[in-house]
PDB file of N, CA and C in Angstrom:
ATOM      1  N   MET A   1       7.802-138.845  57.260  1.00  0.00           N
ATOM      2  CA  MET A   1       8.320-140.198  57.298  1.00  0.00           C
ATOM      3  C   MET A   1       7.882-140.920  56.025  1.00  0.00           C
ATOM      4  N   SER A   2       8.818-141.647  55.427  1.00  0.00           N
ATOM      5  CA  SER A   2       8.519-142.365  54.191  1.00  0.00           C
ATOM      6  C   SER A   2       7.711-143.625  54.487  1.00  0.00           C
ATOM      7  N   LEU A   3       7.200-144.215  53.435  1.00  0.00           N
ATOM      8  CA  LEU A   3       6.415-145.437  53.571  1.00  0.00           C
ATOM      9  C   LEU A   3       7.282-146.564  54.129  1.00  0.00           C
ATOM     10  N   LYS A   4       8.537-146.626  53.694  1.00  0.00           N
ATOM     11  CA  LYS A   4       9.459-147.648  54.183  1.00  0.00           C
ATOM     12  C   LYS A   4       9.649-147.512  55.700  1.00  0.00           C
ATOM     13  N   GLY A   5       9.808-146.302  56.184  1.00  0.00           N
ATOM     14  CA  GLY A   5       9.966-146.066  57.612  1.00  0.00           C
ATOM     15  C   GLY A   5       8.731-146.457  58.404  1.00  0.00           C
ATOM     16  N   LYS A   6       7.564-146.180  57.837  1.00  0.00           N
ATOM     17  CA  LYS A   6       6.314-146.556  58.510  1.00  0.00           C
ATOM     18  C   LYS A   6       6.163-148.072  58.592  1.00  0.00           C
ATOM     19  N   ILE A   7       6.520-148.759  57.520  1.00  0.00           N
ATOM     20  CA  ILE A   7       6.400-150.219  57.509  1.00  0.00           C
ATOM     21  C   ILE A   7       7.365-150.833  58.522  1.00  0.00           C
ATOM     22  N   ILE A   8       8.607-150.356  58.556  1.00  0.00           N
ATOM     23  CA  ILE A   8       9.585-150.879  59.504  1.00  0.00           C
ATOM     24  C   ILE A   8       9.163-150.568  60.935  1.00  0.00           C
ATOM     25  N   SER A   9       8.663-149.367  61.178  1.00  0.00           N
ATOM     26  CA  SER A   9       8.188-149.004  62.519  1.00  0.00           C
ATOM     27  C   SER A   9       7.020-149.876  62.941  1.00  0.00           C
ATOM     28  N   GLY A  10       6.089-150.105  62.039  1.00  0.00           N
ATOM     29  CA  GLY A  10       4.950-150.972  62.346  1.00  0.00           C
ATOM     30  C   GLY A  10       5.378-152.390  62.661  1.00  0.00           C
ATOM     31  N   TYR A  11       6.337-152.911  61.897  1.00  0.00           N
ATOM     32  CA  TYR A  11       6.859-154.264  62.138  1.00  0.00           C
ATOM     33  C   TYR A  11       7.491-154.352  63.525  1.00  0.00           C
ATOM     34  N   LEU A  12       8.305-153.363  63.881  1.00  0.00           N
ATOM     35  CA  LEU A  12       8.963-153.367  65.181  1.00  0.00           C
ATOM     36  C   LEU A  12       7.983-153.211  66.336  1.00  0.00           C
ATOM     37  N   VAL A  13       6.949-152.396  66.155  1.00  0.00           N
ATOM     38  CA  VAL A  13       5.936-152.224  67.196  1.00  0.00           C
ATOM     39  C   VAL A  13       5.169-153.528  67.408  1.00  0.00           C
ATOM     40  N   ILE A  14       4.793-154.194  66.319  1.00  0.00           N
ATOM     41  CA  ILE A  14       4.102-155.474  66.448  1.00  0.00           C
ATOM     42  C   ILE A  14       5.004-156.492  67.134  1.00  0.00           C
ATOM     43  N   GLY A  15       6.295-156.492  66.787  1.00  0.00           N
ATOM     44  CA  GLY A  15       7.242-157.401  67.425  1.00  0.00           C
ATOM     45  C   GLY A  15       7.381-157.141  68.911  1.00  0.00           C
ATOM     46  N   LEU A  16       7.419-155.878  69.310  1.00  0.00           N
ATOM     47  CA  LEU A  16       7.520-155.531  70.726  1.00  0.00           C
ATOM     48  C   LEU A  16       6.263-155.946  71.486  1.00  0.00           C
ATOM     49  N   ILE A  17       5.099-155.708  70.907  1.00  0.00           N
ATOM     50  CA  ILE A  17       3.843-156.121  71.544  1.00  0.00           C
ATOM     51  C   ILE A  17       3.785-157.640  71.673  1.00  0.00           C
ATOM     52  N   TYR A  18       4.201-158.355  70.627  1.00  0.00           N
ATOM     53  CA  TYR A  18       4.221-159.820  70.664  1.00  0.00           C
ATOM     54  C   TYR A  18       5.181-160.314  71.743  1.00  0.00           C
ATOM     55  N   ALA A  19       6.345-159.662  71.874  1.00  0.00           N
ATOM     56  CA  ALA A  19       7.324-160.054  72.893  1.00  0.00           C
ATOM     57  C   ALA A  19       6.776-159.818  74.293  1.00  0.00           C
ATOM     58  N   LEU A  20       6.167-158.677  74.517  1.00  0.00           N
ATOM     59  CA  LEU A  20       5.586-158.395  75.838  1.00  0.00           C
ATOM     60  C   LEU A  20       4.470-159.366  76.172  1.00  0.00           C
ATOM     61  N   TYR A  21       3.633-159.686  75.205  1.00  0.00           N
ATOM     62  CA  TYR A  21       2.547-160.636  75.437  1.00  0.00           C
ATOM     63  C   TYR A  21       3.118-162.015  75.785  1.00  0.00           C
ATOM     64  N   SER A  22       4.113-162.466  75.024  1.00  0.00           N
ATOM     65  CA  SER A  22       4.708-163.783  75.289  1.00  0.00           C
ATOM     66  C   SER A  22       5.384-163.822  76.655  1.00  0.00           C
ATOM     67  N   TRP A  23       6.041-162.743  77.012  1.00  0.00           N
ATOM     68  CA  TRP A  23       6.784-162.690  78.275  1.00  0.00           C
ATOM     69  C   TRP A  23       5.854-162.628  79.482  1.00  0.00           C
ATOM     70  N   LEU A  24       4.777-161.862  79.375  1.00  0.00           N
ATOM     71  CA  LEU A  24       3.912-161.639  80.533  1.00  0.00           C
ATOM     72  C   LEU A  24       2.742-162.617  80.641  1.00  0.00           C
ATOM     73  N   PHE A  25       2.161-163.020  79.513  1.00  0.00           N
ATOM     74  CA  PHE A  25       0.901-163.742  79.586  1.00  0.00           C
ATOM     75  C   PHE A  25       0.905-165.150  79.003  1.00  0.00           C
ATOM     76  N   SER A  26       1.951-165.543  78.325  1.00  0.00           N
ATOM     77  CA  SER A  26       1.984-166.859  77.699  1.00  0.00           C
ATOM     78  C   SER A  26       2.305-167.932  78.730  1.00  0.00           C
ATOM     79  N   SER A  27       1.580-169.027  78.672  1.00  0.00           N
ATOM     80  CA  SER A  27       1.872-170.121  79.597  1.00  0.00           C
ATOM     81  C   SER A  27       3.072-170.936  79.130  1.00  0.00           C
ATOM     82  N   ILE A  28       3.443-170.824  77.863  1.00  0.00           N
ATOM     83  CA  ILE A  28       4.556-171.602  77.326  1.00  0.00           C
ATOM     84  C   ILE A  28       5.877-170.849  77.460  1.00  0.00           C
ATOM     85  N   TYR A  29       5.900-169.558  77.160  1.00  0.00           N
ATOM     86  CA  TYR A  29       7.150-168.808  77.101  1.00  0.00           C
ATOM     87  C   TYR A  29       7.328-167.785  78.223  1.00  0.00           C
ATOM     88  N   SER A  30       6.439-167.746  79.202  1.00  0.00           N
ATOM     89  CA  SER A  30       6.568-166.756  80.268  1.00  0.00           C
ATOM     90  C   SER A  30       7.737-167.061  81.201  1.00  0.00           C
ATOM     91  N   HIS A  31       8.187-168.318  81.250  1.00  0.00           N
ATOM     92  CA  HIS A  31       9.335-168.662  82.103  1.00  0.00           C
ATOM     93  C   HIS A  31      10.647-168.151  81.510  1.00  0.00           C
ATOM     94  N   ALA A  32      10.678-167.923  80.198  1.00  0.00           N
ATOM     95  CA  ALA A  32      11.891-167.431  79.542  1.00  0.00           C
ATOM     96  C   ALA A  32      12.032-165.930  79.803  1.00  0.00           C
ATOM     97  N   GLY A  33      13.226-165.438  79.651  1.00  0.00           N
ATOM     98  CA  GLY A  33      13.487-164.031  79.901  1.00  0.00           C
ATOM     99  C   GLY A  33      12.907-163.113  78.821  1.00  0.00           C
ATOM    100  N   PHE A  34      12.952-161.822  79.122  1.00  0.00           N
ATOM    101  CA  PHE A  34      12.393-160.844  78.193  1.00  0.00           C
ATOM    102  C   PHE A  34      13.137-160.842  76.865  1.00  0.00           C
ATOM    103  N   PHE A  35      14.462-160.938  76.894  1.00  0.00           N
ATOM    104  CA  PHE A  35      15.226-160.846  75.657  1.00  0.00           C
ATOM    105  C   PHE A  35      15.029-162.078  74.769  1.00  0.00           C
ATOM    106  N   TYR A  36      14.773-163.225  75.365  1.00  0.00           N
ATOM    107  CA  TYR A  36      14.408-164.397  74.580  1.00  0.00           C
ATOM    108  C   TYR A  36      13.100-164.131  73.844  1.00  0.00           C
ATOM    109  N   ASN A  37      12.137-163.603  74.562  1.00  0.00           N
ATOM    110  CA  ASN A  37      10.849-163.293  73.947  1.00  0.00           C
ATOM    111  C   ASN A  37      10.960-162.140  72.958  1.00  0.00           C
ATOM    112  N   LEU A  38      11.894-161.218  73.189  1.00  0.00           N
ATOM    113  CA  LEU A  38      12.111-160.149  72.231  1.00  0.00           C
ATOM    114  C   LEU A  38      12.660-160.713  70.918  1.00  0.00           C
ATOM    115  N   GLY A  39      13.555-161.681  71.015  1.00  0.00           N
ATOM    116  CA  GLY A  39      14.049-162.351  69.812  1.00  0.00           C
ATOM    117  C   GLY A  39      12.939-163.048  69.055  1.00  0.00           C
ATOM    118  N   ARG A  40      12.046-163.697  69.781  1.00  0.00           N
ATOM    119  CA  ARG A  40      10.881-164.316  69.143  1.00  0.00           C
ATOM    120  C   ARG A  40       9.960-163.252  68.568  1.00  0.00           C
ATOM    121  N   GLY A  41       9.866-162.124  69.271  1.00  0.00           N
ATOM    122  CA  GLY A  41       8.993-161.053  68.804  1.00  0.00           C
ATOM    123  C   GLY A  41       9.486-160.406  67.527  1.00  0.00           C
ATOM    124  N   LEU A  42      10.805-160.318  67.363  1.00  0.00           N
ATOM    125  CA  LEU A  42      11.331-159.727  66.133  1.00  0.00           C
ATOM    126  C   LEU A  42      11.146-160.648  64.939  1.00  0.00           C
ATOM    127  N   MET A  43      10.946-161.919  65.200  1.00  0.00           N
ATOM    128  CA  MET A  43      10.635-162.871  64.126  1.00  0.00           C
ATOM    129  C   MET A  43       9.174-163.321  64.240  1.00  0.00           C
ATOM    130  N   TRP A  44       8.286-162.390  64.598  1.00  0.00           N
ATOM    131  CA  TRP A  44       6.901-162.748  64.887  1.00  0.00           C
ATOM    132  C   TRP A  44       6.169-163.410  63.721  1.00  0.00           C
ATOM    133  N   PRO A  45       6.421-163.084  62.459  1.00  0.00           N
ATOM    134  CA  PRO A  45       5.675-163.820  61.419  1.00  0.00           C
ATOM    135  C   PRO A  45       6.008-165.310  61.419  1.00  0.00           C
ATOM    136  N   ALA A  46       7.275-165.642  61.654  1.00  0.00           N
ATOM    137  CA  ALA A  46       7.669-167.053  61.683  1.00  0.00           C
ATOM    138  C   ALA A  46       7.118-167.743  62.923  1.00  0.00           C
ATOM    139  N   ALA A  47       6.992-167.019  64.023  1.00  0.00           N
ATOM    140  CA  ALA A  47       6.463-167.620  65.249  1.00  0.00           C
ATOM    141  C   ALA A  47       4.946-167.804  65.160  1.00  0.00           C
ATOM    142  N   MET A  48       4.264-166.885  64.515  1.00  0.00           N
ATOM    143  CA  MET A  48       2.806-166.970  64.436  1.00  0.00           C
ATOM    144  C   MET A  48       2.331-167.898  63.321  1.00  0.00           C
ATOM    145  N   PHE A  49       3.118-168.003  62.252  1.00  0.00           N
ATOM    146  CA  PHE A  49       2.751-168.821  61.102  1.00  0.00           C
ATOM    147  C   PHE A  49       3.876-169.821  60.853  1.00  0.00           C
ATOM    148  N   PRO A  50       3.773-171.044  61.394  1.00  0.00           N
ATOM    149  CA  PRO A  50       4.879-172.007  61.287  1.00  0.00           C
ATOM    150  C   PRO A  50       5.295-172.332  59.853  1.00  0.00           C
ATOM    151  N   ALA A  51       4.388-172.335  58.914  1.00  0.00           N
ATOM    152  CA  ALA A  51       4.762-172.614  57.524  1.00  0.00           C
ATOM    153  C   ALA A  51       5.676-171.527  56.984  1.00  0.00           C
ATOM    154  N   LEU A  52       5.462-170.299  57.397  1.00  0.00           N
ATOM    155  CA  LEU A  52       6.329-169.207  56.978  1.00  0.00           C
ATOM    156  C   LEU A  52       7.724-169.383  57.566  1.00  0.00           C
ATOM    157  N   GLY A  53       7.818-169.883  58.779  1.00  0.00           N
ATOM    158  CA  GLY A  53       9.116-170.157  59.394  1.00  0.00           C
ATOM    159  C   GLY A  53       9.884-171.214  58.618  1.00  0.00           C
ATOM    160  N   ALA A  54       9.190-172.253  58.165  1.00  0.00           N
ATOM    161  CA  ALA A  54       9.846-173.276  57.352  1.00  0.00           C
ATOM    162  C   ALA A  54      10.309-172.698  56.015  1.00  0.00           C
ATOM    163  N   PHE A  55       9.538-171.818  55.435  1.00  0.00           N
ATOM    164  CA  PHE A  55       9.919-171.170  54.177  1.00  0.00           C
ATOM    165  C   PHE A  55      11.155-170.300  54.376  1.00  0.00           C
ATOM    166  N   ILE A  56      11.183-169.514  55.456  1.00  0.00           N
ATOM    167  CA  ILE A  56      12.339-168.661  55.741  1.00  0.00           C
ATOM    168  C   ILE A  56      13.580-169.525  55.959  1.00  0.00           C
ATOM    169  N   GLY A  57      13.435-170.632  56.662  1.00  0.00           N
ATOM    170  CA  GLY A  57      14.557-171.544  56.869  1.00  0.00           C
ATOM    171  C   GLY A  57      15.074-172.116  55.560  1.00  0.00           C
ATOM    172  N   GLY A  58      14.171-172.445  54.649  1.00  0.00           N
ATOM    173  CA  GLY A  58      14.572-172.948  53.338  1.00  0.00           C
ATOM    174  C   GLY A  58      15.323-171.908  52.524  1.00  0.00           C
ATOM    175  N   VAL A  59      14.859-170.671  52.572  1.00  0.00           N
ATOM    176  CA  VAL A  59      15.537-169.594  51.849  1.00  0.00           C
ATOM    177  C   VAL A  59      16.933-169.371  52.412  1.00  0.00           C
ATOM    178  N   VAL A  60      17.061-169.365  53.729  1.00  0.00           N
ATOM    179  CA  VAL A  60      18.379-169.196  54.350  1.00  0.00           C
ATOM    180  C   VAL A  60      19.304-170.340  53.954  1.00  0.00           C
ATOM    181  N   LEU A  61      18.790-171.560  53.930  1.00  0.00           N
ATOM    182  CA  LEU A  61      19.593-172.715  53.540  1.00  0.00           C
ATOM    183  C   LEU A  61      20.079-172.595  52.099  1.00  0.00           C
ATOM    184  N   VAL A  62      19.225-172.164  51.195  1.00  0.00           N
ATOM    185  CA  VAL A  62      19.611-171.978  49.792  1.00  0.00           C
ATOM    186  C   VAL A  62      20.663-170.882  49.670  1.00  0.00           C
ATOM    187  N   ILE A  63      20.520-169.797  50.422  1.00  0.00           N
ATOM    188  CA  ILE A  63      21.506-168.707  50.374  1.00  0.00           C
ATOM    189  C   ILE A  63      22.864-169.186  50.876  1.00  0.00           C
ATOM    190  N   ILE A  64      22.885-169.939  51.960  1.00  0.00           N
ATOM    191  CA  ILE A  64      24.150-170.446  52.501  1.00  0.00           C
ATOM    192  C   ILE A  64      24.793-171.429  51.527  1.00  0.00           C
ATOM    193  N   ALA A  65      24.004-172.336  50.948  1.00  0.00           N
ATOM    194  CA  ALA A  65      24.546-173.290  49.984  1.00  0.00           C
ATOM    195  C   ALA A  65      25.076-172.565  48.743  1.00  0.00           C
ATOM    196  N   GLY A  66      24.377-171.547  48.290  1.00  0.00           N
ATOM    197  CA  GLY A  66      24.844-170.774  47.131  1.00  0.00           C
ATOM    198  C   GLY A  66      26.122-170.024  47.432  1.00  0.00           C
ATOM    199  N   ALA A  67      26.222-169.443  48.613  1.00  0.00           N
ATOM    200  CA  ALA A  67      27.440-168.727  48.998  1.00  0.00           C
ATOM    201  C   ALA A  67      28.611-169.689  49.101  1.00  0.00           C
ATOM    202  N   TYR A  68      28.368-170.876  49.615  1.00  0.00           N
ATOM    203  CA  TYR A  68      29.428-171.882  49.719  1.00  0.00           C
ATOM    204  C   TYR A  68      29.886-172.327  48.333  1.00  0.00           C
ATOM    205  N   ALA A  69      28.923-172.556  47.444  1.00  0.00           N
ATOM    206  CA  ALA A  69      29.265-173.001  46.090  1.00  0.00           C
ATOM    207  C   ALA A  69      30.034-171.911  45.334  1.00  0.00           C
ATOM    208  N   LEU A  70      29.674-170.669  45.518  1.00  0.00           N
ATOM    209  CA  LEU A  70      30.367-169.590  44.831  1.00  0.00           C
ATOM    210  C   LEU A  70      31.744-169.320  45.429  1.00  0.00           C
ATOM    211  N   SER A  71      31.932-169.603  46.699  1.00  0.00           N
ATOM    212  CA  SER A  71      33.223-169.340  47.327  1.00  0.00           C
ATOM    213  C   SER A  71      34.255-170.399  46.969  1.00  0.00           C
ATOM    214  N   ARG A  72      33.824-171.551  46.478  1.00  0.00           N
ATOM    215  CA  ARG A  72      34.740-172.626  46.123  1.00  0.00           C
ATOM    216  C   ARG A  72      35.393-172.391  44.773  1.00  0.00           C
ATOM    217  N   ARG A  73      34.955-171.436  44.019  1.00  0.00           N
ATOM    218  CA  ARG A  73      35.526-171.164  42.687  1.00  0.00           C
ATOM    219  C   ARG A  73      36.808-170.467  42.772  1.00  0.00           C
TER     220      ARG A  73
END
């Protein structure tokens, strides 16, 4: 297995563990379904580090604005 595969596998395993923890033991998100928590688990860096979530949102906003500006030409 390549290094890229190991990194992606590790990311997904951490996301699954985070989703299971949120679904089973969290007092805030345990009422939500498993797939909701799985979605949060796949974005675990943004959920665990709120500043990183704001940064990711800013990058997505810049990409969308750039795509819109380029499509108007």
